[in-house]
Structure formats: structure tokens, C-alpha cells
Amino acid sequence: MLKKLLSAKKGVMFLSIVVFVGVIFLVRSFLVQKEVFIPKPPTYLRINLPEHAYHDEKAACFAWVKSANIFTLKTVSTDNKGQCAQEIDLGPINGTLYLFYKSFDTKDSLAQLINISNDFIDDHKIKADRIDFQQIIDPKRRVFGTFFTLKGNVATNYQFYLTDSTSHFMRGEVLLNCKPNYDSLRPSLEYLKVDLLYFVNSLQWKEN
């Protein structure tokens, strides 16, 4: 009988200890504030780019422009058919602006050149999230055209074409030396767009 009482007493004590420990953990869980993890907002690479600055530049075979100081005119290729190709190094942006110039003498030729330029834009529609455009109309300089902004992981984020509508036509295309990643490249692309728009809006055709 005594053994049974002692055994029962030990059982009650063990149960009491278990309950007591459980209460302690329960109270502790309410008193101790759990750390809350808040996801960080998306960030982009910080690139130290200089203030926008420009200088007068004779851009090879087709025109005078005000070029960004970070731009460097490189290879020029011309032929006797009124055609010219010009490379412009984009400096810290790590890419190249390719310019293609052609002289023409009929309205039919201009329409064909514009259609070809639009075809180059269409080639990127599949991967582009969005394509915006700005019309360039300056009768005083005789410069007319369209500047395209292609958003998304595309091979080229900026293209444009310019013409005087009678004899000059020029198309531009930007290619960066890296894998397309629009989110991480956005700060550099936004910086570059300022310089490109200044470039096209300062262009003046070279008279032959």
C-alpha cells in the first residue's frame, strides 16, 4: 500500500513538473517578442557617373552634334554610295552607339528607310515589356524622326532615326556589353537617355 502511495506521489510530482515547465515555455513565448523579417525593397547597383557635360563634335560623315563628354567617336566606315557607319563608345556605360547614315534622293527611298528602321524595332517586340517613343520635329534644323525606348530585357534599349526628309537619313542603335537585365541597368540607362536625347536634339546636317 505504501509503495502504491509513493508511486502515485512520484507520478503527481512528475506531472506537476511537466505542467510547470510547459507553463514557463508558454509564458516565455508570449513575453519574448519574436523577430519579424521584413523583405528589403529591390535595389540597383550604384554606379558613380559624372555630371552631364557636352562639347561640340563633328560626327564623321553626316552631321555636327553636341556630344556628351563621356562619348568617344571611334571607327568610321564610308563608301561612294552615300553611306557611312560610325561607332561611338559610351564610356562608363560600357556600350556602343552605332550610327548608320545614308543619303537618298526620292521620297520612295525615305519611306523604305523608315520601314527598315521600324523593322529593327519590331524584332525586339517579343522580349520588350513596353516600347515608348518620342517624335523629334525641328523645322529650323530640318531634323525629323523618332526616338524609341525599349523597356525590358532586350538586346537594345534605345534606337532612333533622323532625317531632313529630302536627302539625309540616319539611324542609331545602342548595344551594351553585358547580359540584358533591365532592373539592374535602369540607373545607367536613365542616365544615358539624357545624353542621347541631347545628342539627337543638337544634331545639324553637314552640307556637302
N, C-alpha and C. Protein backbone atom coordinates (compact mmCIF):
# COMPACT_ATOMS: atom_id res chain seq x y z
N MET A 1 0.84 -1.20 0.00
CA MET A 1 0.00 0.00 0.00
C MET A 1 0.87 1.24 0.00
N LEU A 2 1.93 1.21 0.82
CA LEU A 2 2.83 2.36 0.91
C LEU A 2 3.54 2.59 -0.41
N LYS A 3 3.94 1.45 -1.06
CA LYS A 3 4.60 1.59 -2.35
C LYS A 3 3.70 2.25 -3.38
N LYS A 4 2.41 1.89 -3.33
CA LYS A 4 1.46 2.49 -4.27
C LYS A 4 1.32 3.98 -4.04
N LEU A 5 1.28 4.38 -2.76
CA LEU A 5 1.15 5.81 -2.43
C LEU A 5 2.38 6.57 -2.90
N LEU A 6 3.55 5.99 -2.66
CA LEU A 6 4.79 6.65 -3.08
C LEU A 6 4.85 6.77 -4.61
N SER A 7 4.44 5.68 -5.27
CA SER A 7 4.44 5.70 -6.74
C SER A 7 3.47 6.75 -7.28
N ALA A 8 2.29 6.84 -6.66
CA ALA A 8 1.31 7.84 -7.08
C ALA A 8 1.84 9.24 -6.83
N LYS A 9 2.52 9.43 -5.70
CA LYS A 9 3.05 10.74 -5.35
C LYS A 9 4.11 11.17 -6.36
N LYS A 10 4.99 10.18 -6.75
CA LYS A 10 6.02 10.49 -7.75
C LYS A 10 5.38 10.87 -9.09
N GLY A 11 4.28 10.16 -9.43
CA GLY A 11 3.60 10.46 -10.70
C GLY A 11 3.03 11.86 -10.71
N VAL A 12 2.43 12.23 -9.55
CA VAL A 12 1.86 13.58 -9.45
C VAL A 12 2.95 14.63 -9.54
N MET A 13 4.10 14.37 -8.86
CA MET A 13 5.22 15.32 -8.89
C MET A 13 5.77 15.46 -10.32
N PHE A 14 5.92 14.34 -11.01
CA PHE A 14 6.44 14.37 -12.38
C PHE A 14 5.50 15.17 -13.30
N LEU A 15 4.18 14.89 -13.10
CA LEU A 15 3.18 15.60 -13.90
C LEU A 15 3.21 17.09 -13.61
N SER A 16 3.39 17.42 -12.31
CA SER A 16 3.44 18.84 -11.93
C SER A 16 4.64 19.52 -12.56
N ILE A 17 5.79 18.81 -12.59
CA ILE A 17 7.00 19.39 -13.18
C ILE A 17 6.79 19.64 -14.67
N VAL A 18 6.18 18.64 -15.35
CA VAL A 18 5.92 18.78 -16.78
C VAL A 18 5.01 19.97 -17.06
N VAL A 19 3.94 20.09 -16.24
CA VAL A 19 3.00 21.21 -16.41
C VAL A 19 3.69 22.53 -16.15
N PHE A 20 4.55 22.55 -15.09
CA PHE A 20 5.25 23.79 -14.72
C PHE A 20 6.19 24.24 -15.85
N VAL A 21 6.95 23.28 -16.39
CA VAL A 21 7.85 23.60 -17.49
C VAL A 21 7.08 24.08 -18.71
N GLY A 22 5.94 23.41 -18.97
CA GLY A 22 5.12 23.82 -20.11
C GLY A 22 4.59 25.22 -19.95
N VAL A 23 4.17 25.58 -18.72
CA VAL A 23 3.66 26.93 -18.45
C VAL A 23 4.76 27.96 -18.67
N ILE A 24 5.99 27.61 -18.20
CA ILE A 24 7.12 28.55 -18.36
C ILE A 24 7.38 28.84 -19.84
N PHE A 25 7.41 27.77 -20.65
CA PHE A 25 7.64 27.96 -22.09
C PHE A 25 6.50 28.74 -22.74
N LEU A 26 5.28 28.50 -22.29
CA LEU A 26 4.12 29.21 -22.84
C LEU A 26 4.19 30.69 -22.52
N VAL A 27 4.50 30.98 -21.23
CA VAL A 27 4.61 32.39 -20.82
C VAL A 27 5.76 33.06 -21.56
N ARG A 28 6.88 32.34 -21.68
CA ARG A 28 8.05 32.90 -22.36
C ARG A 28 7.75 33.25 -23.81
N SER A 29 6.92 32.38 -24.44
CA SER A 29 6.59 32.63 -25.84
C SER A 29 5.76 33.90 -26.02
N PHE A 30 4.99 34.27 -24.99
CA PHE A 30 4.20 35.49 -25.05
C PHE A 30 5.03 36.71 -24.68
N LEU A 31 5.97 36.53 -23.75
CA LEU A 31 6.74 37.68 -23.26
C LEU A 31 7.88 38.06 -24.20
N VAL A 32 8.48 37.05 -24.84
CA VAL A 32 9.61 37.33 -25.72
C VAL A 32 9.09 37.64 -27.11
N GLN A 33 9.37 38.83 -27.59
CA GLN A 33 8.90 39.25 -28.91
C GLN A 33 9.74 38.58 -29.99
N LYS A 34 9.08 37.93 -30.89
CA LYS A 34 9.78 37.26 -31.97
C LYS A 34 10.25 38.28 -32.99
N GLU A 35 11.43 38.00 -33.60
CA GLU A 35 11.98 38.88 -34.63
C GLU A 35 11.15 38.75 -35.90
N VAL A 36 10.76 39.90 -36.44
CA VAL A 36 9.95 39.92 -37.66
C VAL A 36 10.86 40.26 -38.83
N PHE A 37 10.88 39.40 -39.84
CA PHE A 37 11.71 39.63 -41.00
C PHE A 37 10.89 40.38 -42.06
N ILE A 38 11.37 41.57 -42.43
CA ILE A 38 10.71 42.39 -43.44
C ILE A 38 11.55 42.34 -44.71
N PRO A 39 10.96 41.90 -45.82
CA PRO A 39 11.74 41.82 -47.06
C PRO A 39 12.24 43.20 -47.49
N LYS A 40 13.47 43.25 -47.97
CA LYS A 40 14.05 44.52 -48.41
C LYS A 40 13.50 44.89 -49.78
N PRO A 41 13.30 46.17 -50.02
CA PRO A 41 12.83 46.58 -51.35
C PRO A 41 13.92 46.33 -52.38
N PRO A 42 13.54 46.19 -53.65
CA PRO A 42 14.54 45.95 -54.69
C PRO A 42 15.51 47.11 -54.79
N THR A 43 16.78 46.81 -54.95
CA THR A 43 17.80 47.85 -55.09
C THR A 43 18.58 47.62 -56.37
N TYR A 44 19.33 48.63 -56.77
CA TYR A 44 20.09 48.56 -58.00
C TYR A 44 21.56 48.90 -57.72
N LEU A 45 22.42 48.46 -58.63
CA LEU A 45 23.82 48.77 -58.48
C LEU A 45 24.04 50.27 -58.51
N ARG A 46 24.86 50.75 -57.59
CA ARG A 46 25.19 52.17 -57.57
C ARG A 46 26.40 52.41 -58.45
N ILE A 47 26.23 53.20 -59.49
CA ILE A 47 27.32 53.49 -60.41
C ILE A 47 27.61 54.98 -60.32
N ASN A 48 28.87 55.30 -60.09
CA ASN A 48 29.27 56.70 -60.00
C ASN A 48 29.49 57.25 -61.39
N LEU A 49 28.52 58.00 -61.87
CA LEU A 49 28.59 58.60 -63.20
C LEU A 49 28.78 60.11 -63.05
N PRO A 50 29.54 60.71 -63.96
CA PRO A 50 29.81 62.15 -63.86
C PRO A 50 28.58 62.99 -64.17
N GLU A 51 28.67 64.26 -63.81
CA GLU A 51 27.60 65.19 -64.19
C GLU A 51 27.53 65.28 -65.72
N HIS A 52 26.34 65.48 -66.23
CA HIS A 52 26.18 65.58 -67.68
C HIS A 52 26.91 66.83 -68.20
N ALA A 53 27.77 66.62 -69.19
CA ALA A 53 28.51 67.73 -69.80
C ALA A 53 28.71 67.41 -71.27
N TYR A 54 28.81 68.46 -72.12
CA TYR A 54 28.80 68.25 -73.56
C TYR A 54 29.84 69.14 -74.25
N HIS A 55 30.17 68.78 -75.47
CA HIS A 55 31.08 69.57 -76.28
C HIS A 55 30.67 69.43 -77.75
N ASP A 56 31.07 70.40 -78.56
CA ASP A 56 30.78 70.34 -79.99
C ASP A 56 31.62 69.24 -80.62
N GLU A 57 31.00 68.52 -81.53
CA GLU A 57 31.68 67.38 -82.16
C GLU A 57 31.23 67.27 -83.60
N LYS A 58 32.20 67.03 -84.48
CA LYS A 58 31.85 66.72 -85.87
C LYS A 58 31.73 65.21 -85.96
N ALA A 59 30.53 64.72 -86.09
CA ALA A 59 30.28 63.28 -86.07
C ALA A 59 30.47 62.68 -87.45
N ALA A 60 31.73 62.61 -87.87
CA ALA A 60 32.11 61.94 -89.11
C ALA A 60 31.35 62.47 -90.32
N CYS A 61 30.67 61.56 -91.05
CA CYS A 61 30.21 61.89 -92.40
C CYS A 61 28.84 62.54 -92.49
N PHE A 62 28.12 62.67 -91.38
CA PHE A 62 26.72 63.05 -91.58
C PHE A 62 26.30 64.35 -90.93
N ALA A 63 26.92 64.75 -89.83
CA ALA A 63 26.36 65.90 -89.13
C ALA A 63 27.29 66.43 -88.06
N TRP A 64 26.93 67.62 -87.57
CA TRP A 64 27.53 68.19 -86.38
C TRP A 64 26.60 67.92 -85.21
N VAL A 65 27.18 67.62 -84.06
CA VAL A 65 26.36 67.36 -82.87
C VAL A 65 27.04 67.94 -81.63
N LYS A 66 26.28 68.02 -80.55
CA LYS A 66 26.86 68.29 -79.24
C LYS A 66 26.91 66.95 -78.51
N SER A 67 28.09 66.43 -78.37
CA SER A 67 28.28 65.09 -77.83
C SER A 67 28.58 65.14 -76.34
N ALA A 68 28.13 64.13 -75.60
CA ALA A 68 28.45 64.03 -74.17
C ALA A 68 29.95 63.83 -74.00
N ASN A 69 30.50 64.38 -72.94
CA ASN A 69 31.93 64.25 -72.69
C ASN A 69 32.36 62.80 -72.48
N ILE A 70 31.43 61.95 -72.06
CA ILE A 70 31.79 60.54 -71.83
C ILE A 70 31.82 59.76 -73.15
N PHE A 71 31.29 60.34 -74.23
CA PHE A 71 31.27 59.66 -75.52
C PHE A 71 32.62 59.82 -76.23
N THR A 72 33.04 58.78 -76.95
CA THR A 72 34.25 58.85 -77.76
C THR A 72 33.95 58.32 -79.15
N LEU A 73 34.13 59.17 -80.16
CA LEU A 73 33.91 58.74 -81.54
C LEU A 73 35.02 57.80 -81.95
N LYS A 74 34.63 56.67 -82.55
CA LYS A 74 35.63 55.66 -82.92
C LYS A 74 35.59 55.37 -84.42
N THR A 75 35.42 54.11 -84.76
CA THR A 75 35.56 53.65 -86.14
C THR A 75 34.57 54.34 -87.09
N VAL A 76 35.09 54.74 -88.24
CA VAL A 76 34.24 55.31 -89.30
C VAL A 76 34.41 54.48 -90.56
N SER A 77 33.31 54.16 -91.19
CA SER A 77 33.36 53.40 -92.43
C SER A 77 32.47 54.09 -93.46
N THR A 78 33.04 54.44 -94.62
CA THR A 78 32.28 55.13 -95.65
C THR A 78 32.45 54.42 -96.99
N ASP A 79 31.55 54.74 -97.92
CA ASP A 79 31.70 54.23 -99.28
C ASP A 79 31.27 55.33 -100.24
N ASN A 80 31.33 55.03 -101.51
CA ASN A 80 30.99 56.03 -102.53
C ASN A 80 29.51 56.01 -102.90
N LYS A 81 28.70 55.33 -102.09
CA LYS A 81 27.26 55.27 -102.35
C LYS A 81 26.47 56.16 -101.38
N GLY A 82 27.15 57.09 -100.75
CA GLY A 82 26.48 57.98 -99.81
C GLY A 82 26.12 57.31 -98.50
N GLN A 83 26.90 56.30 -98.11
CA GLN A 83 26.64 55.58 -96.88
C GLN A 83 27.81 55.75 -95.91
N CYS A 84 27.49 55.70 -94.61
CA CYS A 84 28.51 55.86 -93.59
C CYS A 84 28.08 55.15 -92.32
N ALA A 85 29.03 54.51 -91.66
CA ALA A 85 28.77 53.88 -90.37
C ALA A 85 29.73 54.46 -89.34
N GLN A 86 29.22 54.76 -88.17
CA GLN A 86 30.02 55.41 -87.12
C GLN A 86 29.78 54.73 -85.78
N GLU A 87 30.86 54.41 -85.07
CA GLU A 87 30.74 53.87 -83.72
C GLU A 87 31.09 54.96 -82.71
N ILE A 88 30.31 55.00 -81.63
CA ILE A 88 30.58 55.93 -80.54
C ILE A 88 30.64 55.14 -79.24
N ASP A 89 31.80 55.15 -78.61
CA ASP A 89 31.96 54.46 -77.33
C ASP A 89 31.26 55.24 -76.23
N LEU A 90 30.51 54.54 -75.38
CA LEU A 90 29.70 55.21 -74.35
C LEU A 90 30.41 55.32 -73.01
N GLY A 91 31.70 55.11 -72.98
CA GLY A 91 32.49 55.31 -71.77
C GLY A 91 32.06 54.43 -70.61
N PRO A 92 31.78 55.03 -69.43
CA PRO A 92 31.43 54.24 -68.24
C PRO A 92 30.14 53.45 -68.36
N ILE A 93 29.33 53.74 -69.37
CA ILE A 93 28.10 52.98 -69.59
C ILE A 93 28.44 51.59 -70.14
N ASN A 94 29.64 51.43 -70.67
CA ASN A 94 30.11 50.15 -71.19
C ASN A 94 29.25 49.64 -72.34
N GLY A 95 29.23 50.42 -73.39
CA GLY A 95 28.46 50.04 -74.56
C GLY A 95 28.85 50.89 -75.75
N THR A 96 28.12 50.73 -76.85
CA THR A 96 28.42 51.44 -78.08
C THR A 96 27.14 51.95 -78.72
N LEU A 97 27.20 53.17 -79.21
CA LEU A 97 26.13 53.72 -80.04
C LEU A 97 26.55 53.56 -81.48
N TYR A 98 25.79 52.78 -82.24
CA TYR A 98 26.08 52.56 -83.65
C TYR A 98 25.20 53.48 -84.48
N LEU A 99 25.83 54.24 -85.37
CA LEU A 99 25.11 55.16 -86.24
C LEU A 99 25.29 54.72 -87.69
N PHE A 100 24.20 54.73 -88.43
CA PHE A 100 24.23 54.34 -89.83
C PHE A 100 23.60 55.47 -90.65
N TYR A 101 24.37 56.01 -91.57
CA TYR A 101 23.91 57.15 -92.37
C TYR A 101 23.79 56.75 -93.84
N LYS A 102 22.76 57.32 -94.49
CA LYS A 102 22.61 57.10 -95.93
C LYS A 102 21.97 58.33 -96.56
N SER A 103 22.53 58.74 -97.68
CA SER A 103 21.91 59.82 -98.44
C SER A 103 20.93 59.20 -99.44
N PHE A 104 19.88 59.95 -99.76
CA PHE A 104 18.87 59.45 -100.70
C PHE A 104 18.33 60.63 -101.50
N ASP A 105 17.58 60.32 -102.55
CA ASP A 105 17.11 61.42 -103.41
C ASP A 105 15.65 61.32 -103.80
N THR A 106 14.92 60.34 -103.29
CA THR A 106 13.50 60.25 -103.61
C THR A 106 12.70 59.97 -102.34
N LYS A 107 11.44 60.35 -102.35
CA LYS A 107 10.56 60.09 -101.21
C LYS A 107 10.34 58.60 -101.01
N ASP A 108 10.34 57.86 -102.12
CA ASP A 108 10.16 56.41 -102.01
C ASP A 108 11.32 55.81 -101.22
N SER A 109 12.52 56.29 -101.42
CA SER A 109 13.68 55.79 -100.69
C SER A 109 13.55 56.09 -99.20
N LEU A 110 13.04 57.29 -98.86
CA LEU A 110 12.87 57.66 -97.45
C LEU A 110 11.87 56.73 -96.79
N ALA A 111 10.76 56.46 -97.44
CA ALA A 111 9.75 55.57 -96.88
C ALA A 111 10.33 54.18 -96.63
N GLN A 112 11.16 53.73 -97.55
CA GLN A 112 11.79 52.41 -97.40
C GLN A 112 12.75 52.41 -96.22
N LEU A 113 13.51 53.47 -96.06
CA LEU A 113 14.48 53.55 -94.96
C LEU A 113 13.76 53.59 -93.61
N ILE A 114 12.66 54.31 -93.54
CA ILE A 114 11.88 54.36 -92.30
C ILE A 114 11.29 52.99 -91.98
N ASN A 115 10.79 52.31 -93.00
CA ASN A 115 10.22 50.98 -92.79
C ASN A 115 11.28 50.00 -92.28
N ILE A 116 12.47 50.09 -92.82
CA ILE A 116 13.56 49.22 -92.37
C ILE A 116 13.88 49.51 -90.90
N SER A 117 13.91 50.79 -90.53
CA SER A 117 14.18 51.16 -89.13
C SER A 117 13.10 50.63 -88.21
N ASN A 118 11.86 50.72 -88.63
CA ASN A 118 10.76 50.19 -87.81
C ASN A 118 10.82 48.67 -87.69
N ASP A 119 11.34 48.02 -88.73
CA ASP A 119 11.50 46.56 -88.67
C ASP A 119 12.50 46.17 -87.58
N PHE A 120 13.55 46.98 -87.42
CA PHE A 120 14.53 46.72 -86.37
C PHE A 120 13.88 46.82 -84.99
N ILE A 121 12.94 47.73 -84.83
CA ILE A 121 12.19 47.85 -83.57
C ILE A 121 11.30 46.62 -83.37
N ASP A 122 10.62 46.21 -84.44
CA ASP A 122 9.71 45.06 -84.35
C ASP A 122 10.43 43.78 -83.94
N ASP A 123 11.70 43.68 -84.29
CA ASP A 123 12.47 42.48 -83.95
C ASP A 123 12.55 42.26 -82.44
N HIS A 124 12.34 43.32 -81.66
CA HIS A 124 12.50 43.24 -80.20
C HIS A 124 11.16 43.25 -79.45
N LYS A 125 10.07 43.24 -80.18
CA LYS A 125 8.76 43.31 -79.54
C LYS A 125 8.46 42.11 -78.66
N ILE A 126 9.00 40.96 -79.02
CA ILE A 126 8.70 39.73 -78.26
C ILE A 126 9.22 39.84 -76.83
N LYS A 127 10.44 40.37 -76.67
CA LYS A 127 11.05 40.44 -75.34
C LYS A 127 10.81 41.76 -74.63
N ALA A 128 10.45 42.78 -75.36
CA ALA A 128 10.25 44.10 -74.74
C ALA A 128 8.96 44.11 -73.91
N ASP A 129 9.05 44.64 -72.68
CA ASP A 129 7.86 44.79 -71.86
C ASP A 129 7.00 45.95 -72.35
N ARG A 130 7.69 46.94 -72.90
CA ARG A 130 6.98 48.13 -73.38
C ARG A 130 7.90 48.91 -74.32
N ILE A 131 7.33 49.55 -75.32
CA ILE A 131 8.10 50.39 -76.23
C ILE A 131 7.47 51.78 -76.25
N ASP A 132 8.23 52.77 -75.79
CA ASP A 132 7.78 54.15 -75.83
C ASP A 132 8.51 54.87 -76.96
N PHE A 133 7.93 55.97 -77.43
CA PHE A 133 8.61 56.72 -78.48
C PHE A 133 8.35 58.22 -78.32
N GLN A 134 9.32 58.99 -78.76
CA GLN A 134 9.21 60.44 -78.76
C GLN A 134 9.48 60.93 -80.17
N GLN A 135 8.60 61.75 -80.67
CA GLN A 135 8.81 62.31 -82.00
C GLN A 135 9.73 63.52 -81.93
N ILE A 136 10.60 63.63 -82.90
CA ILE A 136 11.54 64.74 -82.98
C ILE A 136 11.17 65.56 -84.21
N ILE A 137 10.75 66.80 -83.98
CA ILE A 137 10.31 67.67 -85.07
C ILE A 137 10.94 69.04 -84.88
N ASP A 138 11.91 69.37 -85.72
CA ASP A 138 12.59 70.65 -85.63
C ASP A 138 12.80 71.22 -87.03
N PRO A 139 11.82 71.97 -87.54
CA PRO A 139 11.93 72.52 -88.90
C PRO A 139 13.14 73.43 -89.08
N LYS A 140 13.53 74.13 -88.02
CA LYS A 140 14.66 75.06 -88.14
C LYS A 140 15.95 74.31 -88.48
N ARG A 141 16.18 73.19 -87.84
CA ARG A 141 17.38 72.39 -88.13
C ARG A 141 17.13 71.36 -89.23
N ARG A 142 15.91 71.26 -89.66
CA ARG A 142 15.50 70.25 -90.64
C ARG A 142 15.81 68.85 -90.13
N VAL A 143 15.41 68.61 -88.90
CA VAL A 143 15.62 67.31 -88.28
C VAL A 143 14.27 66.75 -87.84
N PHE A 144 13.92 65.60 -88.37
CA PHE A 144 12.65 64.95 -88.05
C PHE A 144 12.93 63.46 -87.81
N GLY A 145 12.20 62.88 -86.87
CA GLY A 145 12.41 61.46 -86.63
C GLY A 145 11.71 60.97 -85.39
N THR A 146 12.14 59.83 -84.89
CA THR A 146 11.53 59.20 -83.73
C THR A 146 12.62 58.56 -82.86
N PHE A 147 12.49 58.76 -81.56
CA PHE A 147 13.40 58.17 -80.58
C PHE A 147 12.62 57.10 -79.82
N PHE A 148 13.11 55.86 -79.85
CA PHE A 148 12.42 54.73 -79.23
C PHE A 148 13.12 54.30 -77.94
N THR A 149 12.32 54.04 -76.90
CA THR A 149 12.80 53.48 -75.65
C THR A 149 12.18 52.11 -75.47
N LEU A 150 13.02 51.08 -75.47
CA LEU A 150 12.54 49.70 -75.32
C LEU A 150 12.82 49.25 -73.89
N LYS A 151 11.76 48.98 -73.14
CA LYS A 151 11.90 48.60 -71.74
C LYS A 151 11.81 47.08 -71.60
N GLY A 152 12.68 46.53 -70.76
CA GLY A 152 12.70 45.09 -70.57
C GLY A 152 14.07 44.52 -70.89
N ASN A 153 14.19 43.21 -70.79
CA ASN A 153 15.46 42.54 -71.04
C ASN A 153 15.68 42.32 -72.53
N VAL A 154 15.92 43.42 -73.22
CA VAL A 154 16.11 43.38 -74.67
C VAL A 154 17.57 43.67 -75.00
N ALA A 155 17.96 43.31 -76.21
CA ALA A 155 19.36 43.49 -76.63
C ALA A 155 19.71 44.97 -76.79
N THR A 156 18.74 45.79 -77.15
CA THR A 156 18.97 47.22 -77.31
C THR A 156 17.82 47.99 -76.66
N ASN A 157 18.13 48.93 -75.80
CA ASN A 157 17.09 49.69 -75.10
C ASN A 157 16.78 51.02 -75.77
N TYR A 158 17.66 51.47 -76.68
CA TYR A 158 17.42 52.75 -77.36
C TYR A 158 17.74 52.62 -78.84
N GLN A 159 16.82 53.09 -79.66
CA GLN A 159 17.03 53.21 -81.09
C GLN A 159 16.36 54.50 -81.56
N PHE A 160 16.84 55.03 -82.66
CA PHE A 160 16.21 56.23 -83.21
C PHE A 160 16.55 56.35 -84.69
N TYR A 161 15.75 57.14 -85.38
CA TYR A 161 16.11 57.52 -86.75
C TYR A 161 15.81 59.00 -86.94
N LEU A 162 16.63 59.63 -87.77
CA LEU A 162 16.51 61.06 -88.05
C LEU A 162 16.66 61.30 -89.54
N THR A 163 15.97 62.32 -90.04
CA THR A 163 16.06 62.65 -91.46
C THR A 163 15.74 64.13 -91.66
N ASP A 164 16.18 64.67 -92.79
CA ASP A 164 15.76 66.03 -93.16
C ASP A 164 14.61 65.97 -94.15
N SER A 165 14.19 64.76 -94.48
CA SER A 165 13.05 64.43 -95.38
C SER A 165 13.36 64.61 -96.86
N THR A 166 14.58 65.08 -97.19
CA THR A 166 14.90 65.28 -98.61
C THR A 166 16.15 64.54 -99.07
N SER A 167 17.17 64.43 -98.21
CA SER A 167 18.41 63.79 -98.68
C SER A 167 19.20 63.07 -97.59
N HIS A 168 19.00 63.40 -96.32
CA HIS A 168 19.77 62.79 -95.24
C HIS A 168 18.90 61.81 -94.43
N PHE A 169 19.51 60.69 -94.07
CA PHE A 169 18.83 59.74 -93.19
C PHE A 169 19.87 59.07 -92.29
N MET A 170 19.57 58.99 -91.00
CA MET A 170 20.49 58.38 -90.05
C MET A 170 19.72 57.58 -89.02
N ARG A 171 20.24 56.38 -88.73
CA ARG A 171 19.63 55.51 -87.72
C ARG A 171 20.64 55.23 -86.63
N GLY A 172 20.19 55.20 -85.36
CA GLY A 172 21.08 54.93 -84.24
C GLY A 172 20.57 53.76 -83.41
N GLU A 173 21.50 53.00 -82.85
CA GLU A 173 21.16 51.84 -82.04
C GLU A 173 22.20 51.69 -80.93
N VAL A 174 21.73 51.50 -79.69
CA VAL A 174 22.62 51.32 -78.55
C VAL A 174 22.72 49.84 -78.19
N LEU A 175 23.96 49.35 -78.05
CA LEU A 175 24.20 47.99 -77.59
C LEU A 175 25.16 48.04 -76.41
N LEU A 176 24.78 47.42 -75.30
CA LEU A 176 25.62 47.38 -74.11
C LEU A 176 26.42 46.07 -74.07
N ASN A 177 27.59 46.13 -73.46
CA ASN A 177 28.46 44.96 -73.40
C ASN A 177 28.17 44.13 -72.15
N CYS A 178 26.94 43.71 -71.99
CA CYS A 178 26.57 42.90 -70.83
C CYS A 178 25.26 42.17 -71.13
N LYS A 179 24.95 41.22 -70.27
CA LYS A 179 23.71 40.47 -70.40
C LYS A 179 22.53 41.38 -70.06
N PRO A 180 21.48 41.39 -70.88
CA PRO A 180 20.33 42.26 -70.61
C PRO A 180 19.68 41.97 -69.26
N ASN A 181 19.64 42.96 -68.41
CA ASN A 181 18.94 42.87 -67.12
C ASN A 181 18.42 44.27 -66.82
N TYR A 182 17.19 44.53 -67.24
CA TYR A 182 16.66 45.88 -67.22
C TYR A 182 16.62 46.49 -65.82
N ASP A 183 16.28 45.70 -64.82
CA ASP A 183 16.17 46.24 -63.47
C ASP A 183 17.51 46.76 -62.95
N SER A 184 18.56 45.99 -63.12
CA SER A 184 19.86 46.41 -62.61
C SER A 184 20.50 47.49 -63.47
N LEU A 185 20.15 47.52 -64.76
CA LEU A 185 20.72 48.51 -65.68
C LEU A 185 19.95 49.82 -65.71
N ARG A 186 18.80 49.86 -65.07
CA ARG A 186 17.93 51.03 -65.19
C ARG A 186 18.61 52.36 -64.85
N PRO A 187 19.36 52.46 -63.74
CA PRO A 187 20.01 53.75 -63.44
C PRO A 187 20.94 54.21 -64.56
N SER A 188 21.73 53.28 -65.11
CA SER A 188 22.65 53.64 -66.20
C SER A 188 21.88 54.01 -67.46
N LEU A 189 20.80 53.29 -67.74
CA LEU A 189 20.00 53.57 -68.93
C LEU A 189 19.32 54.94 -68.84
N GLU A 190 18.82 55.28 -67.66
CA GLU A 190 18.17 56.57 -67.49
C GLU A 190 19.19 57.70 -67.65
N TYR A 191 20.39 57.49 -67.14
CA TYR A 191 21.46 58.48 -67.32
C TYR A 191 21.80 58.62 -68.80
N LEU A 192 21.95 57.50 -69.48
CA LEU A 192 22.31 57.51 -70.89
C LEU A 192 21.25 58.18 -71.75
N LYS A 193 19.99 58.00 -71.41
CA LYS A 193 18.91 58.58 -72.21
C LYS A 193 19.01 60.10 -72.27
N VAL A 194 19.42 60.72 -71.17
CA VAL A 194 19.59 62.18 -71.15
C VAL A 194 20.62 62.59 -72.20
N ASP A 195 21.75 61.89 -72.26
CA ASP A 195 22.80 62.24 -73.22
C ASP A 195 22.39 61.94 -74.65
N LEU A 196 21.65 60.86 -74.85
CA LEU A 196 21.21 60.51 -76.21
C LEU A 196 20.22 61.54 -76.75
N LEU A 197 19.28 61.96 -75.91
CA LEU A 197 18.30 62.96 -76.35
C LEU A 197 18.98 64.30 -76.63
N TYR A 198 20.00 64.64 -75.84
CA TYR A 198 20.75 65.86 -76.10
C TYR A 198 21.48 65.74 -77.44
N PHE A 199 21.98 64.55 -77.70
CA PHE A 199 22.70 64.27 -78.96
C PHE A 199 21.78 64.49 -80.16
N VAL A 200 20.63 63.84 -80.17
CA VAL A 200 19.75 63.92 -81.34
C VAL A 200 19.11 65.30 -81.47
N ASN A 201 18.90 65.98 -80.35
CA ASN A 201 18.26 67.30 -80.40
C ASN A 201 19.24 68.42 -80.69
N SER A 202 20.53 68.09 -80.82
CA SER A 202 21.53 69.09 -81.18
C SER A 202 22.08 68.86 -82.58
N LEU A 203 21.68 67.77 -83.19
CA LEU A 203 22.23 67.39 -84.49
C LEU A 203 21.90 68.41 -85.59
N GLN A 204 22.91 68.71 -86.41
CA GLN A 204 22.71 69.55 -87.58
C GLN A 204 23.38 68.89 -88.77
N TRP A 205 22.66 68.80 -89.86
CA TRP A 205 23.18 68.08 -91.02
C TRP A 205 24.38 68.79 -91.62
N LYS A 206 25.33 68.02 -92.01
CA LYS A 206 26.52 68.55 -92.69
C LYS A 206 26.19 68.76 -94.17
N GLU A 207 26.42 69.96 -94.63
CA GLU A 207 26.16 70.27 -96.04
C GLU A 207 27.32 69.80 -96.90
N ASN A 208 26.99 69.14 -98.00
CA ASN A 208 28.04 68.62 -98.88
C ASN A 208 28.64 69.74 -99.73
